[in-house]
Amino acid sequence: MGIFFPDCGVPTGRSGGQKLFFAAVAAAHVAILGLLAVAVPSERLAELAHPIAVRLIELAPEAPPPPQPKPPPPRPKPATPVSAPPPVLAVASPVESPVAASFTVAPQPPAPVSEPVIVAAPAPAPAPAPAPTPALIDARFDADYLDNPKPLYPHASRRLGEEGKVVLRVFVSAEGDAKQVEVKRSSGFQRLDLAAEKAVARWRFVPARRGEQAVTAWVVVPIVFSLNNES
């Protein structure tokens, strides 16, 4: 009768632990056989001396442990703006002059002021040239059709022999009337001057004219008193 060792569930890998297990099993067999030889009669040992069948169960290799989940990749840190280093201003080292130089800073000219643009207004159209003024034609008092009477010679002036020339200034209207009579130059005798004024104040005149239009104007009237012309 053979001895069968049940499957103890011990892994049969080829590692060092498996080797120790097999050695322990063999030693146990030897010890059992020794005990049997002492306690069991030889006849019984002959019956029991059958080959022992040992079956090694090939265990499936250990399954590799499940892969651990990979940790999430670290989130990238926001880039910290790197401030540009302040520019380094190079200061030119003053060049020592053998002779101390003196100078004057000229004042800064004022900022230019933009002058307003003046747009010239269009020149007005030239006024039409005035028509030439017609010449003034003086008033007349010597026309035959006027039939103006001669001044009366005063009796006192005749008796006293008073003679002379009176120059009168007469303002003639546009209708030909004597509106005003003045003595411009006396004859030297008041009676002769008054006789001349009275006569001319009743005269009719051809009025002065400017072109075709009758106008008022002054006219000079000389009156001569002479006894030689008396009849």
C-alpha atoms as a PDB file:
ATOM      1  CA  MET A   1       0.000   0.000   0.000  1.00  0.00           C
ATOM      2  CA  GLY A   2       1.422   3.233  -1.009  1.00  0.00           C
ATOM      3  CA  ILE A   3       1.277   6.478   1.005  1.00  0.00           C
ATOM      4  CA  PHE A   4      -0.414   9.382  -0.750  1.00  0.00           C
ATOM      5  CA  PHE A   5       0.136  12.837   0.454  1.00  0.00           C
ATOM      6  CA  PRO A   6      -2.731  15.033  -0.319  1.00  0.00           C
ATOM      7  CA  ASP A   7      -2.245  18.324  -1.988  1.00  0.00           C
ATOM      8  CA  CYS A   8      -1.469  20.679   0.823  1.00  0.00           C
ATOM      9  CA  GLY A   9      -1.879  23.686  -1.337  1.00  0.00           C
ATOM     10  CA  VAL A  10       1.790  24.492  -1.003  1.00  0.00           C
ATOM     11  CA  PRO A  11       3.109  26.228  -4.026  1.00  0.00           C
ATOM     12  CA  THR A  12       5.523  24.159  -6.065  1.00  0.00           C
ATOM     13  CA  GLY A  13       7.522  26.828  -7.567  1.00  0.00           C
ATOM     14  CA  ARG A  14      11.148  26.498  -8.152  1.00  0.00           C
ATOM     15  CA  SER A  15      12.087  28.930  -5.524  1.00  0.00           C
ATOM     16  CA  GLY A  16      14.158  28.193  -2.422  1.00  0.00           C
ATOM     17  CA  GLY A  17      11.049  27.656  -0.260  1.00  0.00           C
ATOM     18  CA  GLN A  18       9.863  24.833  -2.510  1.00  0.00           C
ATOM     19  CA  LYS A  19      13.157  23.047  -2.179  1.00  0.00           C
ATOM     20  CA  LEU A  20      12.949  23.103   1.598  1.00  0.00           C
ATOM     21  CA  PHE A  21       9.438  21.764   1.388  1.00  0.00           C
ATOM     22  CA  PHE A  22      10.520  18.765  -0.673  1.00  0.00           C
ATOM     23  CA  ALA A  23      13.369  18.023   1.691  1.00  0.00           C
ATOM     24  CA  ALA A  24      11.013  18.085   4.662  1.00  0.00           C
ATOM     25  CA  VAL A  25       8.652  15.685   2.935  1.00  0.00           C
ATOM     26  CA  ALA A  26      11.458  13.251   2.219  1.00  0.00           C
ATOM     27  CA  ALA A  27      12.671  13.404   5.817  1.00  0.00           C
ATOM     28  CA  ALA A  28       9.155  12.714   7.060  1.00  0.00           C
ATOM     29  CA  HIS A  29       8.982   9.638   4.882  1.00  0.00           C
ATOM     30  CA  VAL A  30      12.236   8.352   6.234  1.00  0.00           C
ATOM     31  CA  ALA A  31      11.096   8.898   9.792  1.00  0.00           C
ATOM     32  CA  ILE A  32       7.859   7.105   9.165  1.00  0.00           C
ATOM     33  CA  LEU A  33       9.677   4.153   7.673  1.00  0.00           C
ATOM     34  CA  GLY A  34      11.937   3.980  10.690  1.00  0.00           C
ATOM     35  CA  LEU A  35       9.042   3.907  13.091  1.00  0.00           C
ATOM     36  CA  LEU A  36       7.333   1.254  11.059  1.00  0.00           C
ATOM     37  CA  ALA A  37      10.436  -0.906  11.149  1.00  0.00           C
ATOM     38  CA  VAL A  38      10.505  -0.770  14.922  1.00  0.00           C
ATOM     39  CA  ALA A  39       6.807  -1.106  15.748  1.00  0.00           C
ATOM     40  CA  VAL A  40       5.491  -3.199  12.887  1.00  0.00           C
ATOM     41  CA  PRO A  41       6.653  -6.869  12.445  1.00  0.00           C
ATOM     42  CA  SER A  42       8.625  -7.665   9.416  1.00  0.00           C
ATOM     43  CA  GLU A  43       5.767  -9.507   7.831  1.00  0.00           C
ATOM     44  CA  ARG A  44       3.650  -6.508   8.152  1.00  0.00           C
ATOM     45  CA  LEU A  45       6.399  -4.331   6.764  1.00  0.00           C
ATOM     46  CA  ALA A  46       6.609  -6.538   3.744  1.00  0.00           C
ATOM     47  CA  GLU A  47       2.963  -5.904   3.128  1.00  0.00           C
ATOM     48  CA  LEU A  48       3.322  -2.276   3.627  1.00  0.00           C
ATOM     49  CA  ALA A  49       6.422  -2.008   1.571  1.00  0.00           C
ATOM     50  CA  HIS A  50       4.860  -0.773  -1.552  1.00  0.00           C
ATOM     51  CA  PRO A  51       6.130   2.087  -3.576  1.00  0.00           C
ATOM     52  CA  ILE A  52       4.872   5.453  -2.562  1.00  0.00           C
ATOM     53  CA  ALA A  53       3.508   7.468  -5.360  1.00  0.00           C
ATOM     54  CA  VAL A  54       4.150  11.114  -4.985  1.00  0.00           C
ATOM     55  CA  ARG A  55       2.446  13.456  -7.385  1.00  0.00           C
ATOM     56  CA  LEU A  56       3.702  16.925  -7.640  1.00  0.00           C
ATOM     57  CA  ILE A  57       0.987  19.337  -8.572  1.00  0.00           C
ATOM     58  CA  GLU A  58       2.214  22.039 -10.789  1.00  0.00           C
ATOM     59  CA  LEU A  59       0.735  25.163  -9.395  1.00  0.00           C
ATOM     60  CA  ALA A  60      -0.170  27.954 -11.709  1.00  0.00           C
ATOM     61  CA  PRO A  61       2.285  30.773 -11.542  1.00  0.00           C
ATOM     62  CA  GLU A  62       1.296  33.624  -9.393  1.00  0.00           C
ATOM     63  CA  ALA A  63      -0.735  36.173 -11.245  1.00  0.00           C
ATOM     64  CA  PRO A  64       1.083  39.423 -11.316  1.00  0.00           C
ATOM     65  CA  PRO A  65      -0.493  42.012  -9.084  1.00  0.00           C
ATOM     66  CA  PRO A  66      -2.910  44.292 -10.878  1.00  0.00           C
ATOM     67  CA  PRO A  67      -1.190  47.371 -12.145  1.00  0.00           C
ATOM     68  CA  GLN A  68      -1.599  50.289  -9.860  1.00  0.00           C
ATOM     69  CA  PRO A  69      -3.424  53.229 -11.453  1.00  0.00           C
ATOM     70  CA  LYS A  70      -0.988  55.793 -12.558  1.00  0.00           C
ATOM     71  CA  PRO A  71      -1.198  58.962 -10.573  1.00  0.00           C
ATOM     72  CA  PRO A  72      -2.534  61.899 -12.599  1.00  0.00           C
ATOM     73  CA  PRO A  73       0.210  63.923 -14.147  1.00  0.00           C
ATOM     74  CA  PRO A  74       1.050  66.970 -12.094  1.00  0.00           C
ATOM     75  CA  ARG A  75      -0.715  70.084 -13.290  1.00  0.00           C
ATOM     76  CA  PRO A  76       1.700  72.493 -14.834  1.00  0.00           C
ATOM     77  CA  LYS A  77       2.275  75.489 -12.684  1.00  0.00           C
ATOM     78  CA  PRO A  78       1.340  78.795 -14.294  1.00  0.00           C
ATOM     79  CA  ALA A  79       4.331  80.457 -15.710  1.00  0.00           C
ATOM     80  CA  THR A  80       5.412  83.241 -13.482  1.00  0.00           C
ATOM     81  CA  PRO A  81       6.029  86.364 -15.586  1.00  0.00           C
ATOM     82  CA  VAL A  82       9.607  87.167 -15.417  1.00  0.00           C
ATOM     83  CA  SER A  83      10.037  90.907 -15.222  1.00  0.00           C
ATOM     84  CA  ALA A  84      12.735  92.131 -17.483  1.00  0.00           C
ATOM     85  CA  PRO A  85      15.631  93.513 -15.574  1.00  0.00           C
ATOM     86  CA  PRO A  86      15.702  97.317 -15.587  1.00  0.00           C
ATOM     87  CA  PRO A  87      17.863  98.670 -18.357  1.00  0.00           C
ATOM     88  CA  VAL A  88      21.233  99.667 -17.299  1.00  0.00           C
ATOM     89  CA  LEU A  89      21.958 103.183 -18.426  1.00  0.00           C
ATOM     90  CA  ALA A  90      25.511 103.588 -19.319  1.00  0.00           C
ATOM     91  CA  VAL A  91      26.818 106.861 -18.024  1.00  0.00           C
ATOM     92  CA  ALA A  92      29.669 108.155 -19.983  1.00  0.00           C
ATOM     93  CA  SER A  93      32.439 109.066 -17.688  1.00  0.00           C
ATOM     94  CA  PRO A  94      33.350 112.720 -18.050  1.00  0.00           C
ATOM     95  CA  VAL A  95      36.513 113.302 -19.853  1.00  0.00           C
ATOM     96  CA  GLU A  96      38.692 115.538 -17.855  1.00  0.00           C
ATOM     97  CA  SER A  97      39.828 118.504 -19.799  1.00  0.00           C
ATOM     98  CA  PRO A  98      43.145 119.951 -19.035  1.00  0.00           C
ATOM     99  CA  VAL A  99      41.565 123.420 -19.036  1.00  0.00           C
ATOM    100  CA  ALA A 100      38.297 124.151 -17.205  1.00  0.00           C
ATOM    101  CA  ALA A 101      35.791 125.167 -19.923  1.00  0.00           C
ATOM    102  CA  SER A 102      33.044 127.682 -19.208  1.00  0.00           C
ATOM    103  CA  PHE A 103      29.855 127.937 -21.320  1.00  0.00           C
ATOM    104  CA  THR A 104      26.425 129.512 -21.206  1.00  0.00           C
ATOM    105  CA  VAL A 105      23.234 127.611 -21.933  1.00  0.00           C
ATOM    106  CA  ALA A 106      21.130 129.480 -24.466  1.00  0.00           C
ATOM    107  CA  PRO A 107      17.472 129.931 -23.453  1.00  0.00           C
ATOM    108  CA  GLN A 108      15.036 127.561 -25.053  1.00  0.00           C
ATOM    109  CA  PRO A 109      13.096 129.193 -27.879  1.00  0.00           C
ATOM    110  CA  PRO A 110       9.350 129.484 -27.247  1.00  0.00           C
ATOM    111  CA  ALA A 111       7.071 126.958 -28.815  1.00  0.00           C
ATOM    112  CA  PRO A 112       5.823 128.078 -32.212  1.00  0.00           C
ATOM    113  CA  VAL A 113       2.299 129.454 -32.122  1.00  0.00           C
ATOM    114  CA  SER A 114       0.172 128.495 -35.050  1.00  0.00           C
ATOM    115  CA  GLU A 115      -1.367 131.612 -36.498  1.00  0.00           C
ATOM    116  CA  PRO A 116      -5.015 131.400 -37.515  1.00  0.00           C
ATOM    117  CA  VAL A 117      -5.584 131.149 -41.192  1.00  0.00           C
ATOM    118  CA  ILE A 118      -7.439 134.227 -42.352  1.00  0.00           C
ATOM    119  CA  VAL A 119      -9.534 133.647 -45.401  1.00  0.00           C
ATOM    120  CA  ALA A 120      -9.878 136.838 -47.326  1.00  0.00           C
ATOM    121  CA  ALA A 121     -13.448 137.728 -48.127  1.00  0.00           C
ATOM    122  CA  PRO A 122     -14.172 138.091 -51.792  1.00  0.00           C
ATOM    123  CA  ALA A 123     -13.742 141.653 -52.948  1.00  0.00           C
ATOM    124  CA  PRO A 124     -17.061 143.365 -53.528  1.00  0.00           C
ATOM    125  CA  ALA A 125     -17.995 144.049 -57.076  1.00  0.00           C
ATOM    126  CA  PRO A 126     -16.914 147.522 -58.080  1.00  0.00           C
ATOM    127  CA  ALA A 127     -19.742 149.991 -57.996  1.00  0.00           C
ATOM    128  CA  PRO A 128     -20.732 151.284 -61.340  1.00  0.00           C
ATOM    129  CA  ALA A 129     -19.111 154.578 -62.191  1.00  0.00           C
ATOM    130  CA  PRO A 130     -21.487 157.444 -61.582  1.00  0.00           C
ATOM    131  CA  ALA A 131     -22.768 159.165 -64.618  1.00  0.00           C
ATOM    132  CA  PRO A 132     -21.011 162.427 -65.280  1.00  0.00           C
ATOM    133  CA  THR A 133     -22.823 165.356 -63.707  1.00  0.00           C
ATOM    134  CA  PRO A 134     -24.026 167.831 -66.300  1.00  0.00           C
ATOM    135  CA  ALA A 135     -22.575 171.303 -66.090  1.00  0.00           C
ATOM    136  CA  LEU A 136     -24.667 173.981 -64.375  1.00  0.00           C
ATOM    137  CA  ILE A 137     -26.046 176.668 -66.673  1.00  0.00           C
ATOM    138  CA  ASP A 138     -26.524 179.944 -64.775  1.00  0.00           C
ATOM    139  CA  ALA A 139     -29.851 181.710 -64.593  1.00  0.00           C
ATOM    140  CA  ARG A 140     -30.412 184.521 -67.121  1.00  0.00           C
ATOM    141  CA  PHE A 141     -32.073 187.886 -66.743  1.00  0.00           C
ATOM    142  CA  ASP A 142     -31.211 189.548 -70.121  1.00  0.00           C
ATOM    143  CA  ALA A 143     -33.633 187.639 -72.349  1.00  0.00           C
ATOM    144  CA  ASP A 144     -35.756 189.982 -74.483  1.00  0.00           C
ATOM    145  CA  TYR A 145     -38.960 188.078 -73.843  1.00  0.00           C
ATOM    146  CA  LEU A 146     -38.647 188.613 -70.093  1.00  0.00           C
ATOM    147  CA  ASP A 147     -39.429 192.345 -70.497  1.00  0.00           C
ATOM    148  CA  ASN A 148     -37.910 193.255 -67.116  1.00  0.00           C
ATOM    149  CA  PRO A 149     -38.305 197.017 -66.268  1.00  0.00           C
ATOM    150  CA  LYS A 150     -35.249 199.210 -65.607  1.00  0.00           C
ATOM    151  CA  PRO A 151     -34.663 200.563 -62.104  1.00  0.00           C
ATOM    152  CA  LEU A 152     -35.976 204.116 -61.444  1.00  0.00           C
ATOM    153  CA  TYR A 153     -33.330 206.769 -60.972  1.00  0.00           C
ATOM    154  CA  PRO A 154     -34.115 208.548 -57.685  1.00  0.00           C
ATOM    155  CA  HIS A 155     -34.861 212.324 -58.121  1.00  0.00           C
ATOM    156  CA  ALA A 156     -32.634 213.259 -55.229  1.00  0.00           C
ATOM    157  CA  SER A 157     -29.729 211.316 -56.782  1.00  0.00           C
ATOM    158  CA  ARG A 158     -30.267 213.156 -60.109  1.00  0.00           C
ATOM    159  CA  ARG A 159     -30.340 216.548 -58.439  1.00  0.00           C
ATOM    160  CA  LEU A 160     -27.220 215.748 -56.473  1.00  0.00           C
ATOM    161  CA  GLY A 161     -25.522 214.076 -59.401  1.00  0.00           C
ATOM    162  CA  GLU A 162     -25.113 210.652 -57.729  1.00  0.00           C
ATOM    163  CA  GLU A 163     -23.901 207.940 -60.075  1.00  0.00           C
ATOM    164  CA  GLY A 164     -22.465 204.463 -59.600  1.00  0.00           C
ATOM    165  CA  LYS A 165     -22.636 200.720 -60.183  1.00  0.00           C
ATOM    166  CA  VAL A 166     -24.480 198.338 -57.843  1.00  0.00           C
ATOM    167  CA  VAL A 167     -23.702 194.622 -57.966  1.00  0.00           C
ATOM    168  CA  LEU A 168     -26.546 192.478 -56.634  1.00  0.00           C
ATOM    169  CA  ARG A 169     -26.568 188.776 -55.729  1.00  0.00           C
ATOM    170  CA  VAL A 170     -29.951 187.155 -56.446  1.00  0.00           C
ATOM    171  CA  PHE A 171     -31.202 183.675 -55.423  1.00  0.00           C
ATOM    172  CA  VAL A 172     -33.388 182.432 -58.295  1.00  0.00           C
ATOM    173  CA  SER A 173     -35.882 179.595 -57.832  1.00  0.00           C
ATOM    174  CA  ALA A 174     -36.469 176.755 -60.300  1.00  0.00           C
ATOM    175  CA  GLU A 175     -39.602 178.639 -61.436  1.00  0.00           C
ATOM    176  CA  GLY A 176     -37.543 181.772 -62.239  1.00  0.00           C
ATOM    177  CA  ASP A 177     -38.594 183.987 -59.307  1.00  0.00           C
ATOM    178  CA  ALA A 178     -36.155 186.164 -57.304  1.00  0.00           C
ATOM    179  CA  LYS A 179     -36.429 184.645 -53.833  1.00  0.00           C
ATOM    180  CA  GLN A 180     -33.664 186.706 -52.238  1.00  0.00           C
ATOM    181  CA  VAL A 181     -31.720 189.873 -53.270  1.00  0.00           C
ATOM    182  CA  GLU A 182     -28.473 190.992 -51.586  1.00  0.00           C
ATOM    183  CA  VAL A 183     -26.060 193.870 -52.281  1.00  0.00           C
ATOM    184  CA  LYS A 184     -22.783 192.244 -53.165  1.00  0.00           C
ATOM    185  CA  ARG A 185     -21.024 195.564 -53.918  1.00  0.00           C
ATOM    186  CA  SER A 186     -22.471 199.016 -53.220  1.00  0.00           C
ATOM    187  CA  SER A 187     -22.475 201.958 -55.580  1.00  0.00           C
ATOM    188  CA  GLY A 188     -21.500 204.270 -52.772  1.00  0.00           C
ATOM    189  CA  PHE A 189     -24.960 205.765 -52.519  1.00  0.00           C
ATOM    190  CA  GLN A 190     -27.642 204.089 -50.455  1.00  0.00           C
ATOM    191  CA  ARG A 191     -30.511 205.595 -52.568  1.00  0.00           C
ATOM    192  CA  LEU A 192     -29.063 203.980 -55.699  1.00  0.00           C
ATOM    193  CA  ASP A 193     -28.579 200.627 -53.933  1.00  0.00           C
ATOM    194  CA  LEU A 194     -32.175 200.579 -52.671  1.00  0.00           C
ATOM    195  CA  ALA A 195     -33.556 201.538 -56.111  1.00  0.00           C
ATOM    196  CA  ALA A 196     -31.650 198.636 -57.686  1.00  0.00           C
ATOM    197  CA  GLU A 197     -32.884 196.096 -55.053  1.00  0.00           C
ATOM    198  CA  LYS A 198     -36.543 197.112 -55.503  1.00  0.00           C
ATOM    199  CA  ALA A 199     -36.403 196.782 -59.278  1.00  0.00           C
ATOM    200  CA  VAL A 200     -34.585 193.403 -59.392  1.00  0.00           C
ATOM    201  CA  ALA A 201     -36.877 191.854 -56.722  1.00  0.00           C
ATOM    202  CA  ARG A 202     -39.735 192.129 -59.281  1.00  0.00           C
ATOM    203  CA  TRP A 203     -37.782 190.627 -62.181  1.00  0.00           C
ATOM    204  CA  ARG A 204     -38.356 187.293 -63.879  1.00  0.00           C
ATOM    205  CA  PHE A 205     -35.404 184.984 -64.617  1.00  0.00           C
ATOM    206  CA  VAL A 206     -34.637 182.046 -66.832  1.00  0.00           C
ATOM    207  CA  PRO A 207     -33.857 179.490 -64.095  1.00  0.00           C
ATOM    208  CA  ALA A 208     -30.524 177.762 -63.942  1.00  0.00           C
ATOM    209  CA  ARG A 209     -30.404 174.285 -65.514  1.00  0.00           C
ATOM    210  CA  ARG A 210     -28.414 171.111 -64.930  1.00  0.00           C
ATOM    211  CA  GLY A 211     -28.898 169.099 -68.021  1.00  0.00           C
ATOM    212  CA  GLU A 212     -32.631 169.126 -68.761  1.00  0.00           C
ATOM    213  CA  GLN A 213     -33.676 169.884 -65.171  1.00  0.00           C
ATOM    214  CA  ALA A 214     -34.303 173.415 -63.787  1.00  0.00           C
ATOM    215  CA  VAL A 215     -32.572 174.032 -60.464  1.00  0.00           C
ATOM    216  CA  THR A 216     -32.243 176.820 -57.947  1.00  0.00           C
ATOM    217  CA  ALA A 217     -29.052 178.874 -58.091  1.00  0.00           C
ATOM    218  CA  TRP A 218     -27.476 182.215 -57.238  1.00  0.00           C
ATOM    219  CA  VAL A 219     -26.865 184.735 -60.048  1.00  0.00           C
ATOM    220  CA  VAL A 220     -25.012 188.083 -60.055  1.00  0.00           C
ATOM    221  CA  VAL A 221     -26.877 191.128 -61.476  1.00  0.00           C
ATOM    222  CA  PRO A 222     -24.931 194.386 -62.102  1.00  0.00           C
ATOM    223  CA  ILE A 223     -26.939 197.701 -62.230  1.00  0.00           C
ATOM    224  CA  VAL A 224     -25.323 200.912 -63.520  1.00  0.00           C
ATOM    225  CA  PHE A 225     -26.700 204.359 -62.663  1.00  0.00           C
ATOM    226  CA  SER A 226     -25.419 207.115 -64.998  1.00  0.00           C
ATOM    227  CA  LEU A 227     -26.777 210.637 -65.613  1.00  0.00           C
ATOM    228  CA  ASN A 228     -25.213 210.792 -69.062  1.00  0.00           C
ATOM    229  CA  ASN A 229     -27.593 208.130 -70.287  1.00  0.00           C
ATOM    230  CA  GLU A 230     -30.645 210.028 -69.086  1.00  0.00           C
ATOM    231  CA  SER A 231     -32.681 211.656 -71.826  1.00  0.00           C
END
